[in-house]
Each structure stands twice: as C-alpha cells, then as structure tokens.
C-alpha atoms as a PDB file:
ATOM      1  CA  MET A   1      10.486  -4.185  13.141  1.00  0.00           C
ATOM      2  CA  ILE A   2      14.107  -3.749  13.787  1.00  0.00           C
ATOM      3  CA  PHE A   3      15.124  -5.508  10.586  1.00  0.00           C
ATOM      4  CA  MET A   4      12.606  -3.518   8.601  1.00  0.00           C
ATOM      5  CA  VAL A   5      13.911  -0.290   9.961  1.00  0.00           C
ATOM      6  CA  VAL A   6      17.556  -1.260   9.373  1.00  0.00           C
ATOM      7  CA  LEU A   7      16.589  -2.134   5.791  1.00  0.00           C
ATOM      8  CA  LEU A   8      14.762   1.099   5.230  1.00  0.00           C
ATOM      9  CA  VAL A   9      17.721   3.029   6.540  1.00  0.00           C
ATOM     10  CA  ILE A  10      20.160   1.163   4.194  1.00  0.00           C
ATOM     11  CA  ILE A  11      17.798   1.819   1.184  1.00  0.00           C
ATOM     12  CA  LEU A  12      17.270   5.463   1.984  1.00  0.00           C
ATOM     13  CA  GLY A  13      21.136   5.828   2.444  1.00  0.00           C
ATOM     14  CA  GLY A  14      21.778   4.409  -0.874  1.00  0.00           C
ATOM     15  CA  ALA A  15      19.201   6.548  -2.471  1.00  0.00           C
ATOM     16  CA  VAL A  16      20.674   9.682  -1.000  1.00  0.00           C
ATOM     17  CA  ALA A  17      24.112   8.648  -2.092  1.00  0.00           C
ATOM     18  CA  LEU A  18      22.928   8.309  -5.569  1.00  0.00           C
ATOM     19  CA  VAL A  19      21.102  11.511  -5.463  1.00  0.00           C
ATOM     20  CA  ILE A  20      24.188  13.370  -4.337  1.00  0.00           C
ATOM     21  CA  VAL A  21      26.076  11.747  -7.043  1.00  0.00           C
ATOM     22  CA  GLY A  22      23.498  12.893  -9.526  1.00  0.00           C
ATOM     23  CA  LEU A  23      23.614  16.498  -8.254  1.00  0.00           C
ATOM     24  CA  ARG A  24      27.469  16.678  -8.751  1.00  0.00           C
ATOM     25  CA  ASN A  25      28.691  19.333 -10.978  1.00  0.00           C
ATOM     26  CA  PRO A  26      28.613  17.664 -14.393  1.00  0.00           C
ATOM     27  CA  ARG A  27      31.570  19.659 -15.784  1.00  0.00           C
ATOM     28  CA  THR A  28      34.080  18.860 -12.924  1.00  0.00           C
ATOM     29  CA  GLY A  29      35.197  15.134 -12.565  1.00  0.00           C
ATOM     30  CA  GLU A  30      37.643  13.688 -10.176  1.00  0.00           C
ATOM     31  CA  GLU A  31      40.725  14.718 -12.096  1.00  0.00           C
ATOM     32  CA  ALA A  32      39.434  18.329 -12.544  1.00  0.00           C
ATOM     33  CA  ALA A  33      38.659  18.512  -8.823  1.00  0.00           C
ATOM     34  CA  LEU A  34      42.353  17.273  -7.834  1.00  0.00           C
ATOM     35  CA  LEU A  35      43.790  19.635 -10.380  1.00  0.00           C
ATOM     36  CA  GLN A  36      41.855  22.568  -8.935  1.00  0.00           C
ATOM     37  CA  ARG A  37      42.990  21.738  -5.354  1.00  0.00           C
ATOM     38  CA  LEU A  38      46.487  21.087  -6.524  1.00  0.00           C
ATOM     39  CA  GLU A  39      46.519  24.716  -8.081  1.00  0.00           C
ATOM     40  CA  GLU A  40      45.036  26.063  -4.891  1.00  0.00           C
ATOM     41  CA  PHE A  41      47.854  24.622  -2.682  1.00  0.00           C
ATOM     42  CA  THR A  42      50.428  25.837  -5.174  1.00  0.00           C
ATOM     43  CA  GLN A  43      49.138  29.318  -5.091  1.00  0.00           C
ATOM     44  CA  ARG A  44      49.164  29.438  -1.399  1.00  0.00           C
ATOM     45  CA  GLY A  45      52.750  28.211  -1.332  1.00  0.00           C
ATOM     46  CA  GLU A  46      52.058  25.201   0.797  1.00  0.00           C
ATOM     47  CA  THR A  47      53.793  21.897   0.396  1.00  0.00           C
ATOM     48  CA  VAL A  48      51.926  19.622  -2.157  1.00  0.00           C
ATOM     49  CA  ASN A  49      50.860  16.478  -0.296  1.00  0.00           C
ATOM     50  CA  LEU A  50      48.582  14.021  -2.124  1.00  0.00           C
ATOM     51  CA  GLU A  51      46.921  12.830   1.168  1.00  0.00           C
ATOM     52  CA  LYS A  52      46.223  16.283   2.103  1.00  0.00           C
ATOM     53  CA  ILE A  53      44.703  17.109  -1.250  1.00  0.00           C
ATOM     54  CA  GLU A  54      42.400  14.097  -0.974  1.00  0.00           C
ATOM     55  CA  LEU A  55      41.284  14.994   2.579  1.00  0.00           C
ATOM     56  CA  SER A  56      40.557  18.484   1.315  1.00  0.00           C
ATOM     57  CA  GLN A  57      37.733  17.099  -0.930  1.00  0.00           C
ATOM     58  CA  PRO A  58      34.166  17.074   0.147  1.00  0.00           C
ATOM     59  CA  PHE A  59      32.682  14.164   2.077  1.00  0.00           C
ATOM     60  CA  ALA A  60      30.467  13.175  -0.851  1.00  0.00           C
ATOM     61  CA  GLU A  61      33.661  12.995  -3.170  1.00  0.00           C
ATOM     62  CA  ARG A  62      35.570  11.010  -0.831  1.00  0.00           C
ATOM     63  CA  ILE A  63      33.041   8.542   0.682  1.00  0.00           C
ATOM     64  CA  ILE A  64      29.638   8.674  -0.937  1.00  0.00           C
ATOM     65  CA  TYR A  65      30.578   8.602  -4.682  1.00  0.00           C
ATOM     66  CA  PRO A  66      33.238   5.787  -4.399  1.00  0.00           C
ATOM     67  CA  LEU A  67      30.476   3.726  -2.433  1.00  0.00           C
ATOM     68  CA  ALA A  68      28.018   4.253  -5.144  1.00  0.00           C
ATOM     69  CA  GLN A  69      30.549   3.278  -7.740  1.00  0.00           C
ATOM     70  CA  LYS A  70      31.255   0.011  -5.887  1.00  0.00           C
ATOM     71  CA  PHE A  71      27.544  -0.745  -5.792  1.00  0.00           C
ATOM     72  CA  GLY A  72      27.286   0.031  -9.542  1.00  0.00           C
ATOM     73  CA  GLU A  73      30.178  -2.446 -10.080  1.00  0.00           C
ATOM     74  CA  ILE A  74      28.365  -5.187  -8.065  1.00  0.00           C
ATOM     75  CA  ALA A  75      25.217  -4.566 -10.213  1.00  0.00           C
ATOM     76  CA  GLU A  76      27.310  -4.757 -13.379  1.00  0.00           C
ATOM     77  CA  ARG A  77      28.378  -8.374 -12.611  1.00  0.00           C
ATOM     78  CA  PHE A  78      24.706  -9.532 -12.824  1.00  0.00           C
ATOM     79  CA  THR A  79      23.659  -7.522 -15.786  1.00  0.00           C
ATOM     80  CA  PRO A  80      24.054  -8.715 -19.426  1.00  0.00           C
ATOM     81  CA  GLN A  81      26.289  -6.765 -21.598  1.00  0.00           C
ATOM     82  CA  ASN A  82      23.453  -5.812 -24.111  1.00  0.00           C
ATOM     83  CA  ALA A  83      21.555  -4.219 -21.350  1.00  0.00           C
ATOM     84  CA  LEU A  84      24.664  -2.108 -20.292  1.00  0.00           C
ATOM     85  CA  GLN A  85      25.212  -1.060 -23.958  1.00  0.00           C
ATOM     86  CA  SER A  86      21.427  -0.240 -24.430  1.00  0.00           C
ATOM     87  CA  THR A  87      21.607   1.848 -21.252  1.00  0.00           C
ATOM     88  CA  GLU A  88      24.657   3.676 -22.375  1.00  0.00           C
ATOM     89  CA  LYS A  89      23.181   4.400 -25.685  1.00  0.00           C
ATOM     90  CA  LYS A  90      20.055   5.820 -23.961  1.00  0.00           C
ATOM     91  CA  LEU A  91      22.213   7.821 -21.700  1.00  0.00           C
ATOM     92  CA  GLU A  92      24.064   9.325 -24.704  1.00  0.00           C
ATOM     93  CA  LEU A  93      20.676  10.158 -26.475  1.00  0.00           C
ATOM     94  CA  ALA A  94      19.508  11.944 -23.187  1.00  0.00           C
ATOM     95  CA  GLY A  95      22.590  14.011 -23.113  1.00  0.00           C
ATOM     96  CA  ASN A  96      23.525  12.204 -19.876  1.00  0.00           C
ATOM     97  CA  PRO A  97      21.887  14.953 -17.654  1.00  0.00           C
ATOM     98  CA  ALA A  98      23.262  13.625 -14.319  1.00  0.00           C
ATOM     99  CA  ARG A  99      26.618  12.458 -15.836  1.00  0.00           C
ATOM    100  CA  LEU A 100      25.988   8.751 -14.927  1.00  0.00           C
ATOM    101  CA  ASP A 101      27.583   5.847 -16.491  1.00  0.00           C
ATOM    102  CA  ALA A 102      25.578   2.511 -17.227  1.00  0.00           C
ATOM    103  CA  THR A 103      26.495   0.710 -14.039  1.00  0.00           C
ATOM    104  CA  MET A 104      25.536   3.738 -11.837  1.00  0.00           C
ATOM    105  CA  PHE A 105      22.164   4.037 -13.652  1.00  0.00           C
ATOM    106  CA  LEU A 106      21.508   0.244 -13.156  1.00  0.00           C
ATOM    107  CA  ALA A 107      22.402   0.747  -9.482  1.00  0.00           C
ATOM    108  CA  LEU A 108      19.875   3.571  -9.296  1.00  0.00           C
ATOM    109  CA  GLN A 109      17.140   1.212 -10.803  1.00  0.00           C
ATOM    110  CA  PHE A 110      17.693  -1.380  -8.168  1.00  0.00           C
ATOM    111  CA  LEU A 111      17.842   1.209  -5.302  1.00  0.00           C
ATOM    112  CA  ALA A 112      14.583   2.844  -6.637  1.00  0.00           C
ATOM    113  CA  ALA A 113      12.906  -0.508  -6.822  1.00  0.00           C
ATOM    114  CA  LEU A 114      13.892  -1.321  -3.309  1.00  0.00           C
ATOM    115  CA  GLY A 115      12.917   2.135  -2.065  1.00  0.00           C
ATOM    116  CA  PHE A 116       9.463   2.100  -3.576  1.00  0.00           C
ATOM    117  CA  GLY A 117       8.775  -1.428  -2.157  1.00  0.00           C
ATOM    118  CA  ALA A 118      10.189  -0.533   1.351  1.00  0.00           C
ATOM    119  CA  PHE A 119       8.202   2.507   1.493  1.00  0.00           C
ATOM    120  CA  LEU A 120       4.894   0.856   0.698  1.00  0.00           C
ATOM    121  CA  PHE A 121       5.725  -2.059   3.010  1.00  0.00           C
ATOM    122  CA  VAL A 122       6.280   0.316   5.813  1.00  0.00           C
ATOM    123  CA  VAL A 123       3.015   2.153   5.019  1.00  0.00           C
ATOM    124  CA  PHE A 124       1.119  -1.177   5.171  1.00  0.00           C
ATOM    125  CA  SER A 125       2.993  -1.982   8.409  1.00  0.00           C
ATOM    126  CA  PHE A 126       1.935   1.092  10.299  1.00  0.00           C
ATOM    127  CA  ALA A 127      -1.463   1.800   8.604  1.00  0.00           C
ATOM    128  CA  GLN A 128      -4.588   0.145   9.769  1.00  0.00           C
ATOM    129  CA  VAL A 129      -5.316  -1.590   6.486  1.00  0.00           C
ATOM    130  CA  LYS A 130      -7.294  -4.764   6.744  1.00  0.00           C
ATOM    131  CA  TRP A 131      -6.322  -6.184   3.435  1.00  0.00           C
ATOM    132  CA  PRO A 132      -5.306  -9.879   2.840  1.00  0.00           C
ATOM    133  CA  LEU A 133      -1.788 -10.643   3.034  1.00  0.00           C
ATOM    134  CA  GLY A 134      -1.646 -11.661  -0.710  1.00  0.00           C
ATOM    135  CA  THR A 135      -3.157  -8.354  -1.821  1.00  0.00           C
ATOM    136  CA  ARG A 136      -0.570  -6.409   0.198  1.00  0.00           C
ATOM    137  CA  LEU A 137       2.243  -8.382  -1.194  1.00  0.00           C
ATOM    138  CA  LEU A 138       0.856  -8.074  -4.751  1.00  0.00           C
ATOM    139  CA  ILE A 139       0.713  -4.243  -4.312  1.00  0.00           C
ATOM    140  CA  VAL A 140       4.250  -4.089  -2.936  1.00  0.00           C
ATOM    141  CA  PHE A 141       5.458  -6.351  -5.908  1.00  0.00           C
ATOM    142  CA  LEU A 142       3.821  -3.893  -8.391  1.00  0.00           C
ATOM    143  CA  PHE A 143       5.381  -0.864  -6.696  1.00  0.00           C
ATOM    144  CA  VAL A 144       8.779  -2.602  -6.733  1.00  0.00           C
ATOM    145  CA  VAL A 145       8.352  -3.175 -10.613  1.00  0.00           C
ATOM    146  CA  LEU A 146       7.309   0.412 -10.974  1.00  0.00           C
ATOM    147  CA  GLY A 147      10.404   1.619  -8.961  1.00  0.00           C
ATOM    148  CA  PHE A 148      12.704  -0.445 -11.060  1.00  0.00           C
ATOM    149  CA  PHE A 149      11.267   1.035 -14.434  1.00  0.00           C
ATOM    150  CA  PHE A 150      10.874   4.701 -12.951  1.00  0.00           C
ATOM    151  CA  PRO A 151      14.430   5.693 -13.893  1.00  0.00           C
ATOM    152  CA  GLN A 152      13.984   4.276 -17.331  1.00  0.00           C
ATOM    153  CA  MET A 153      10.744   6.401 -17.706  1.00  0.00           C
ATOM    154  CA  TRP A 154      12.571   9.420 -16.459  1.00  0.00           C
ATOM    155  CA  LEU A 155      15.446   8.738 -19.078  1.00  0.00           C
ATOM    156  CA  SER A 156      12.959   8.239 -21.771  1.00  0.00           C
ATOM    157  CA  SER A 157      11.254  11.628 -20.986  1.00  0.00           C
ATOM    158  CA  LYS A 158      14.732  13.268 -21.045  1.00  0.00           C
ATOM    159  CA  ILE A 159      15.482  11.767 -24.562  1.00  0.00           C
ATOM    160  CA  THR A 160      12.101  12.942 -25.933  1.00  0.00           C
ATOM    161  CA  ARG A 161      12.650  16.399 -24.476  1.00  0.00           C
ATOM    162  CA  ARG A 162      16.060  16.832 -25.830  1.00  0.00           C
ATOM    163  CA  GLN A 163      15.014  15.715 -29.279  1.00  0.00           C
ATOM    164  CA  LYS A 164      12.203  18.158 -29.245  1.00  0.00           C
ATOM    165  CA  GLU A 165      14.605  20.902 -28.279  1.00  0.00           C
ATOM    166  CA  VAL A 166      17.007  19.947 -31.048  1.00  0.00           C
ATOM    167  CA  ARG A 167      14.222  19.868 -33.693  1.00  0.00           C
ATOM    168  CA  LYS A 168      12.911  23.191 -32.526  1.00  0.00           C
ATOM    169  CA  ALA A 169      16.339  24.832 -32.628  1.00  0.00           C
ATOM    170  CA  MET A 170      17.799  23.441 -35.829  1.00  0.00           C
ATOM    171  CA  PRO A 171      16.109  25.863 -38.326  1.00  0.00           C
ATOM    172  CA  ASP A 172      17.289  28.947 -36.508  1.00  0.00           C
ATOM    173  CA  ALA A 173      20.851  27.499 -36.079  1.00  0.00           C
ATOM    174  CA  LEU A 174      21.026  26.480 -39.744  1.00  0.00           C
ATOM    175  CA  ASP A 175      20.043  30.200 -40.620  1.00  0.00           C
ATOM    176  CA  LEU A 176      22.818  31.477 -38.585  1.00  0.00           C
ATOM    177  CA  LEU A 177      25.229  28.901 -40.083  1.00  0.00           C
ATOM    178  CA  THR A 178      24.196  30.135 -43.535  1.00  0.00           C
ATOM    179  CA  ILE A 179      24.593  33.581 -42.842  1.00  0.00           C
ATOM    180  CA  CYS A 180      28.062  32.991 -41.230  1.00  0.00           C
ATOM    181  CA  VAL A 181      29.324  30.894 -44.105  1.00  0.00           C
ATOM    182  CA  GLU A 182      28.046  33.364 -46.716  1.00  0.00           C
ATOM    183  CA  ALA A 183      29.905  36.054 -44.883  1.00  0.00           C
ATOM    184  CA  GLY A 184      33.133  34.209 -45.475  1.00  0.00           C
ATOM    185  CA  LEU A 185      33.694  32.174 -42.224  1.00  0.00           C
ATOM    186  CA  GLY A 186      34.530  28.544 -42.441  1.00  0.00           C
ATOM    187  CA  PHE A 187      32.133  25.819 -41.271  1.00  0.00           C
ATOM    188  CA  ASP A 188      34.016  25.232 -38.009  1.00  0.00           C
ATOM    189  CA  ALA A 189      33.983  29.002 -37.182  1.00  0.00           C
ATOM    190  CA  ALA A 190      30.335  29.218 -37.992  1.00  0.00           C
ATOM    191  CA  MET A 191      29.585  26.376 -35.689  1.00  0.00           C
ATOM    192  CA  ALA A 192      31.529  28.348 -32.960  1.00  0.00           C
ATOM    193  CA  LYS A 193      29.262  31.249 -33.655  1.00  0.00           C
ATOM    194  CA  VAL A 194      26.274  29.136 -33.113  1.00  0.00           C
ATOM    195  CA  SER A 195      27.552  27.741 -29.872  1.00  0.00           C
ATOM    196  CA  GLU A 196      28.294  31.288 -28.560  1.00  0.00           C
ATOM    197  CA  LYS A 197      24.844  32.675 -29.593  1.00  0.00           C
ATOM    198  CA  TRP A 198      22.743  30.117 -27.885  1.00  0.00           C
ATOM    199  CA  GLU A 199      22.741  27.897 -24.879  1.00  0.00           C
ATOM    200  CA  ASN A 200      20.715  24.743 -25.695  1.00  0.00           C
ATOM    201  CA  GLU A 201      21.461  21.132 -26.576  1.00  0.00           C
ATOM    202  CA  LEU A 202      22.357  21.976 -30.192  1.00  0.00           C
ATOM    203  CA  SER A 203      24.875  24.569 -29.413  1.00  0.00           C
ATOM    204  CA  ILE A 204      26.430  22.213 -26.779  1.00  0.00           C
ATOM    205  CA  ALA A 205      26.680  19.610 -29.456  1.00  0.00           C
ATOM    206  CA  PHE A 206      28.261  21.930 -31.963  1.00  0.00           C
ATOM    207  CA  ALA A 207      30.785  23.016 -29.178  1.00  0.00           C
ATOM    208  CA  ARG A 208      31.564  19.334 -28.684  1.00  0.00           C
ATOM    209  CA  ILE A 209      32.292  18.851 -32.382  1.00  0.00           C
ATOM    210  CA  ILE A 210      34.684  21.844 -32.267  1.00  0.00           C
ATOM    211  CA  GLN A 211      36.586  20.425 -29.311  1.00  0.00           C
ATOM    212  CA  GLU A 212      36.769  16.892 -30.940  1.00  0.00           C
ATOM    213  CA  VAL A 213      38.197  18.481 -34.162  1.00  0.00           C
ATOM    214  CA  GLN A 214      40.734  20.509 -32.201  1.00  0.00           C
ATOM    215  CA  LEU A 215      41.816  17.313 -30.658  1.00  0.00           C
ATOM    216  CA  GLY A 216      42.463  15.710 -33.973  1.00  0.00           C
ATOM    217  CA  LYS A 217      39.365  13.931 -34.839  1.00  0.00           C
ATOM    218  CA  LEU A 218      38.030  14.251 -38.544  1.00  0.00           C
ATOM    219  CA  ARG A 219      35.184  16.621 -38.805  1.00  0.00           C
ATOM    220  CA  LYS A 220      33.108  14.090 -40.745  1.00  0.00           C
ATOM    221  CA  ASP A 221      33.648  11.564 -38.007  1.00  0.00           C
ATOM    222  CA  ALA A 222      32.694  14.045 -35.336  1.00  0.00           C
ATOM    223  CA  LEU A 223      29.584  15.012 -37.305  1.00  0.00           C
ATOM    224  CA  ARG A 224      28.553  11.402 -37.631  1.00  0.00           C
ATOM    225  CA  THR A 225      29.046  10.876 -33.869  1.00  0.00           C
ATOM    226  CA  MET A 226      26.886  13.881 -33.062  1.00  0.00           C
ATOM    227  CA  ALA A 227      24.122  12.512 -35.340  1.00  0.00           C
ATOM    228  CA  GLU A 228      24.315   9.278 -33.389  1.00  0.00           C
ATOM    229  CA  ARG A 229      24.148  11.059 -30.147  1.00  0.00           C
ATOM    230  CA  MET A 230      20.968  12.924 -31.127  1.00  0.00           C
ATOM    231  CA  GLY A 231      19.145  10.028 -32.728  1.00  0.00           C
ATOM    232  CA  ILE A 232      16.773  11.982 -34.912  1.00  0.00           C
ATOM    233  CA  PRO A 233      16.424  11.726 -38.695  1.00  0.00           C
ATOM    234  CA  GLU A 234      16.781  15.495 -39.297  1.00  0.00           C
ATOM    235  CA  MET A 235      20.222  15.612 -37.810  1.00  0.00           C
ATOM    236  CA  THR A 236      21.193  12.553 -39.824  1.00  0.00           C
ATOM    237  CA  SER A 237      20.105  14.173 -43.136  1.00  0.00           C
ATOM    238  CA  PHE A 238      21.831  17.304 -42.284  1.00  0.00           C
ATOM    239  CA  VAL A 239      25.036  15.553 -41.399  1.00  0.00           C
ATOM    240  CA  ALA A 240      24.987  13.480 -44.536  1.00  0.00           C
ATOM    241  CA  ALA A 241      24.335  16.650 -46.712  1.00  0.00           C
ATOM    242  CA  VAL A 242      27.245  18.484 -45.143  1.00  0.00           C
ATOM    243  CA  ILE A 243      29.673  15.643 -45.591  1.00  0.00           C
ATOM    244  CA  GLN A 244      28.402  15.086 -49.169  1.00  0.00           C
ATOM    245  CA  SER A 245      28.891  18.759 -50.119  1.00  0.00           C
ATOM    246  CA  GLU A 246      32.460  18.667 -48.655  1.00  0.00           C
ATOM    247  CA  GLN A 247      33.146  15.532 -50.883  1.00  0.00           C
ATOM    248  CA  LEU A 248      31.643  16.874 -54.077  1.00  0.00           C
ATOM    249  CA  GLY A 249      32.831  20.428 -53.682  1.00  0.00           C
ATOM    250  CA  VAL A 250      29.273  21.867 -53.587  1.00  0.00           C
ATOM    251  CA  SER A 251      28.705  25.252 -52.281  1.00  0.00           C
ATOM    252  CA  MET A 252      28.298  24.974 -48.419  1.00  0.00           C
ATOM    253  CA  ALA A 253      26.002  27.968 -48.053  1.00  0.00           C
ATOM    254  CA  LYS A 254      23.668  26.665 -50.629  1.00  0.00           C
ATOM    255  CA  VAL A 255      23.486  23.270 -48.944  1.00  0.00           C
ATOM    256  CA  LEU A 256      22.879  24.873 -45.569  1.00  0.00           C
ATOM    257  CA  ARG A 257      20.106  27.227 -46.968  1.00  0.00           C
ATOM    258  CA  ILE A 258      18.339  24.176 -48.503  1.00  0.00           C
ATOM    259  CA  GLN A 259      18.608  22.252 -45.232  1.00  0.00           C
ATOM    260  CA  SER A 260      17.183  25.212 -43.072  1.00  0.00           C
ATOM    261  CA  GLU A 261      14.110  25.481 -45.308  1.00  0.00           C
ATOM    262  CA  GLN A 262      13.613  21.679 -45.052  1.00  0.00           C
ATOM    263  CA  MET A 263      14.130  21.835 -41.308  1.00  0.00           C
ATOM    264  CA  ARG A 264      11.643  24.763 -40.920  1.00  0.00           C
ATOM    265  CA  MET A 265       9.020  22.842 -43.083  1.00  0.00           C
ATOM    266  CA  LYS A 266       9.562  19.765 -40.916  1.00  0.00           C
ATOM    267  CA  ARG A 267       9.138  21.870 -37.846  1.00  0.00           C
ATOM    268  CA  ARG A 268       5.739  23.318 -39.175  1.00  0.00           C
ATOM    269  CA  GLN A 269       4.563  19.847 -40.001  1.00  0.00           C
ATOM    270  CA  LEU A 270       5.308  18.411 -36.439  1.00  0.00           C
ATOM    271  CA  ALA A 271       3.567  21.430 -35.125  1.00  0.00           C
ATOM    272  CA  GLU A 272       0.446  20.736 -37.234  1.00  0.00           C
ATOM    273  CA  GLU A 273       0.645  17.085 -36.196  1.00  0.00           C
ATOM    274  CA  GLU A 274       0.497  18.082 -32.573  1.00  0.00           C
ATOM    275  CA  ALA A 275      -2.332  20.481 -33.107  1.00  0.00           C
ATOM    276  CA  HIS A 276      -4.307  17.659 -34.836  1.00  0.00           C
ATOM    277  CA  LYS A 277      -3.563  15.339 -31.842  1.00  0.00           C
ATOM    278  CA  ALA A 278      -4.794  17.968 -29.276  1.00  0.00           C
ATOM    279  CA  PRO A 279      -8.510  17.251 -29.719  1.00  0.00           C
ATOM    280  CA  ILE A 280      -8.048  13.561 -29.156  1.00  0.00           C
ATOM    281  CA  LYS A 281      -5.991  14.204 -26.099  1.00  0.00           C
ATOM    282  CA  MET A 282      -8.542  16.614 -24.628  1.00  0.00           C
ATOM    283  CA  LEU A 283     -11.327  13.889 -24.819  1.00  0.00           C
ATOM    284  CA  ILE A 284      -9.891  12.187 -21.701  1.00  0.00           C
ATOM    285  CA  PRO A 285      -9.900  15.240 -19.318  1.00  0.00           C
ATOM    286  CA  MET A 286     -13.266  16.357 -20.838  1.00  0.00           C
ATOM    287  CA  GLY A 287     -14.880  12.909 -20.227  1.00  0.00           C
ATOM    288  CA  LEU A 288     -13.617  12.526 -16.685  1.00  0.00           C
ATOM    289  CA  LEU A 289     -13.685  16.034 -15.343  1.00  0.00           C
ATOM    290  CA  ILE A 290     -15.646  18.502 -17.537  1.00  0.00           C
ATOM    291  CA  PHE A 291     -18.674  16.571 -18.645  1.00  0.00           C
ATOM    292  CA  PRO A 292     -19.628  15.100 -15.133  1.00  0.00           C
ATOM    293  CA  SER A 293     -19.488  18.593 -13.603  1.00  0.00           C
ATOM    294  CA  LEU A 294     -21.653  19.985 -16.386  1.00  0.00           C
ATOM    295  CA  MET A 295     -24.119  17.106 -15.916  1.00  0.00           C
ATOM    296  CA  ILE A 296     -24.363  17.792 -12.137  1.00  0.00           C
ATOM    297  CA  THR A 297     -24.708  21.603 -12.761  1.00  0.00           C
ATOM    298  CA  LEU A 298     -27.500  21.268 -15.399  1.00  0.00           C
ATOM    299  CA  LEU A 299     -29.370  18.332 -14.141  1.00  0.00           C
ATOM    300  CA  THR A 300     -29.399  19.025 -10.453  1.00  0.00           C
ATOM    301  CA  PRO A 301     -32.098  21.820 -10.552  1.00  0.00           C
ATOM    302  CA  ALA A 302     -34.183  19.745 -12.851  1.00  0.00           C
ATOM    303  CA  GLY A 303     -33.786  16.663 -10.477  1.00  0.00           C
ATOM    304  CA  LEU A 304     -34.865  18.755  -7.510  1.00  0.00           C
ATOM    305  CA  LYS A 305     -38.022  19.979  -9.475  1.00  0.00           C
ATOM    306  CA  LEU A 306     -38.939  16.438 -10.406  1.00  0.00           C
ATOM    307  CA  MET A 307     -38.638  15.425  -6.762  1.00  0.00           C
ATOM    308  CA  HIS A 308     -41.153  17.958  -5.643  1.00  0.00           C
ATOM    309  CA  SER A 309     -43.477  17.335  -8.479  1.00  0.00           C
ATOM    310  CA  ALA A 310     -46.242  14.704  -9.035  1.00  0.00           C
ATOM    311  CA  LEU A 311     -43.829  12.536 -10.802  1.00  0.00           C
ATOM    312  CA  GLY A 312     -41.431  12.382  -7.778  1.00  0.00           C
ATOM    313  CA  THR A 313     -44.391  11.453  -5.425  1.00  0.00           C
ATOM    314  CA  MET A 314     -44.915   8.228  -7.354  1.00  0.00           C
ATOM    315  CA  PHE A 315     -41.420   6.835  -6.304  1.00  0.00           C
ATOM    316  CA  ARG A 316     -41.851   7.775  -2.612  1.00  0.00           C
END
C-alpha cells in the first residue's frame, strides 16, 4: 500500500506539472519573461543581478517547467524519430494550443497512461469488487492504453475544430481581402486588415505571415508554410492561386473574388453534407433513448389492461 500511494503521488505530481506547463501563457516564453523582469529591475533603478532575476520568477517557471522538460527529454530517447516528427506535425496542424513541443507531448501521453492505470488500480484496491485478478488487470491495461491515446484524441479534436473554423472564416476573409485590394491596398496590407478585423485562427495565420515577411522571408514561402500548417485543400488552392497570379501578373482582386466565390460554394456544400449526415447520426440516440421510452409509455397501459383481462388470467 505504501508503494502504491507513493507511485500515485509521483504520477499525480507529474500530471499537475504538465498541466501547469500547458496553462502557461502561450505568448511569453522564457526569454520574454527574463526580458520583462530585466526591464522591471531597470525601471526601479536596482542593480541588475542574473541570480536575482531568476529567483524572481514564479515557482512553476523555475522548478516545474524544467523538470517537465527533463522528463520529456528522457521520453525522447526511447521514441522513434518518425513519431516525433509526426507529433510535431500534428501540433502544428492543431495550432499548438498549449505551446508544447513533441517531447513534452509524448511525456504527457506516458503520464496520462500511468495516471489512468493508477487511478483504476486504486479504485479496485479500495472498492469491494469481487472480480478475478485477471479481469481486473485486463481492465487496468485497457485504461492504460486509453490514457496513452487520450492526448492524441484531444489533439485530433483540436485539429478538426481548427480546420472547421478556418473553412468557415475563409469566404468572409477573402471578401475583405478583395475589397481592400480593390481599394488600392497591397496584399500584405490587406492581410493586416483581416488580422485586425477578426480574432480567429485565420487572422492569426495572416498575422504570422506578415511577421515572417517583415523578418525577411519571401511571401510565397510564407504562404506555402501557412498552407502546410493548416492542412486543408481550400487553403492550398488559395495559396497556389495567389502565387500564380503574382508570377503571371494577373489581377489580384479578380483572383481573390473567384477564390471567395469558390470558398463560399465549398462551405455551402460542406453544410449540406453535414445536414445529410444528421438523420443517420440521430438514429443512435433515437434507438437507444427515444424509442424505448415511447414503447414504455404506449405499451404500459395496454399491458396493464391485458393483465386484468381474461387473457391475463390464462398465464397466472
């Protein structure tokens, strides 16, 4: 029991550490935090001391986050390189909501697996369940596997949600791009207007393109990188059309208007597809919840009458 309690405490401590890491401010890294504290010390007129700046950081930044990073580095040694690259790709497609790297995400998977298994093991230890040992071990193993793949399922749902949000926002964003370009703005200035107008995944992607171009990256390369980070065919065709219009000298406003019409048609088709799927999806709750309740409501009075009738006396 002592070993089990110690193991549970270690697992819960690691899980809490990774949760704290995931809840860190995504827009402030270690360097930004150090620069901010350095500026605070400079404004106060105090003597700048690196050790003092380090100690002024929160406990999570000084202790928990480095420990979680070490755990991720240990997990990286036993993980194939293809798995790390695939995880990094999925994090990019999801927009990296918790600002985790591939090693940290793999560490989160292992800790989630241990946490699910330890929780169920403790439940079986304290609960009065008279199941065979093999059955209990099998259920614990299944929960360990579920815990290992639970972060992957969460990441897949984030990818799907982000892609749906981008598909929904693209026609309106392209309309605004078209209006801005027709009004005389350049393509970069039009993307800046879109990023200022809305606060969604597409506007964030446009703002990132503008930053990359300002840092010296070619606009076509920044656009291709954005399409790879989105992972949807609509964005890929839009980027290809924009790059081709620049190379061939075609009117950008005309290309953007055609793309916006195509995106709106594609969004309407996706909405119709979801509407056609709705009746099939409704069969499961109807079959499991609605139909049994209707049968009970409708047949119970008839069954009570049959019990008190002559037909019911035959079965007594």
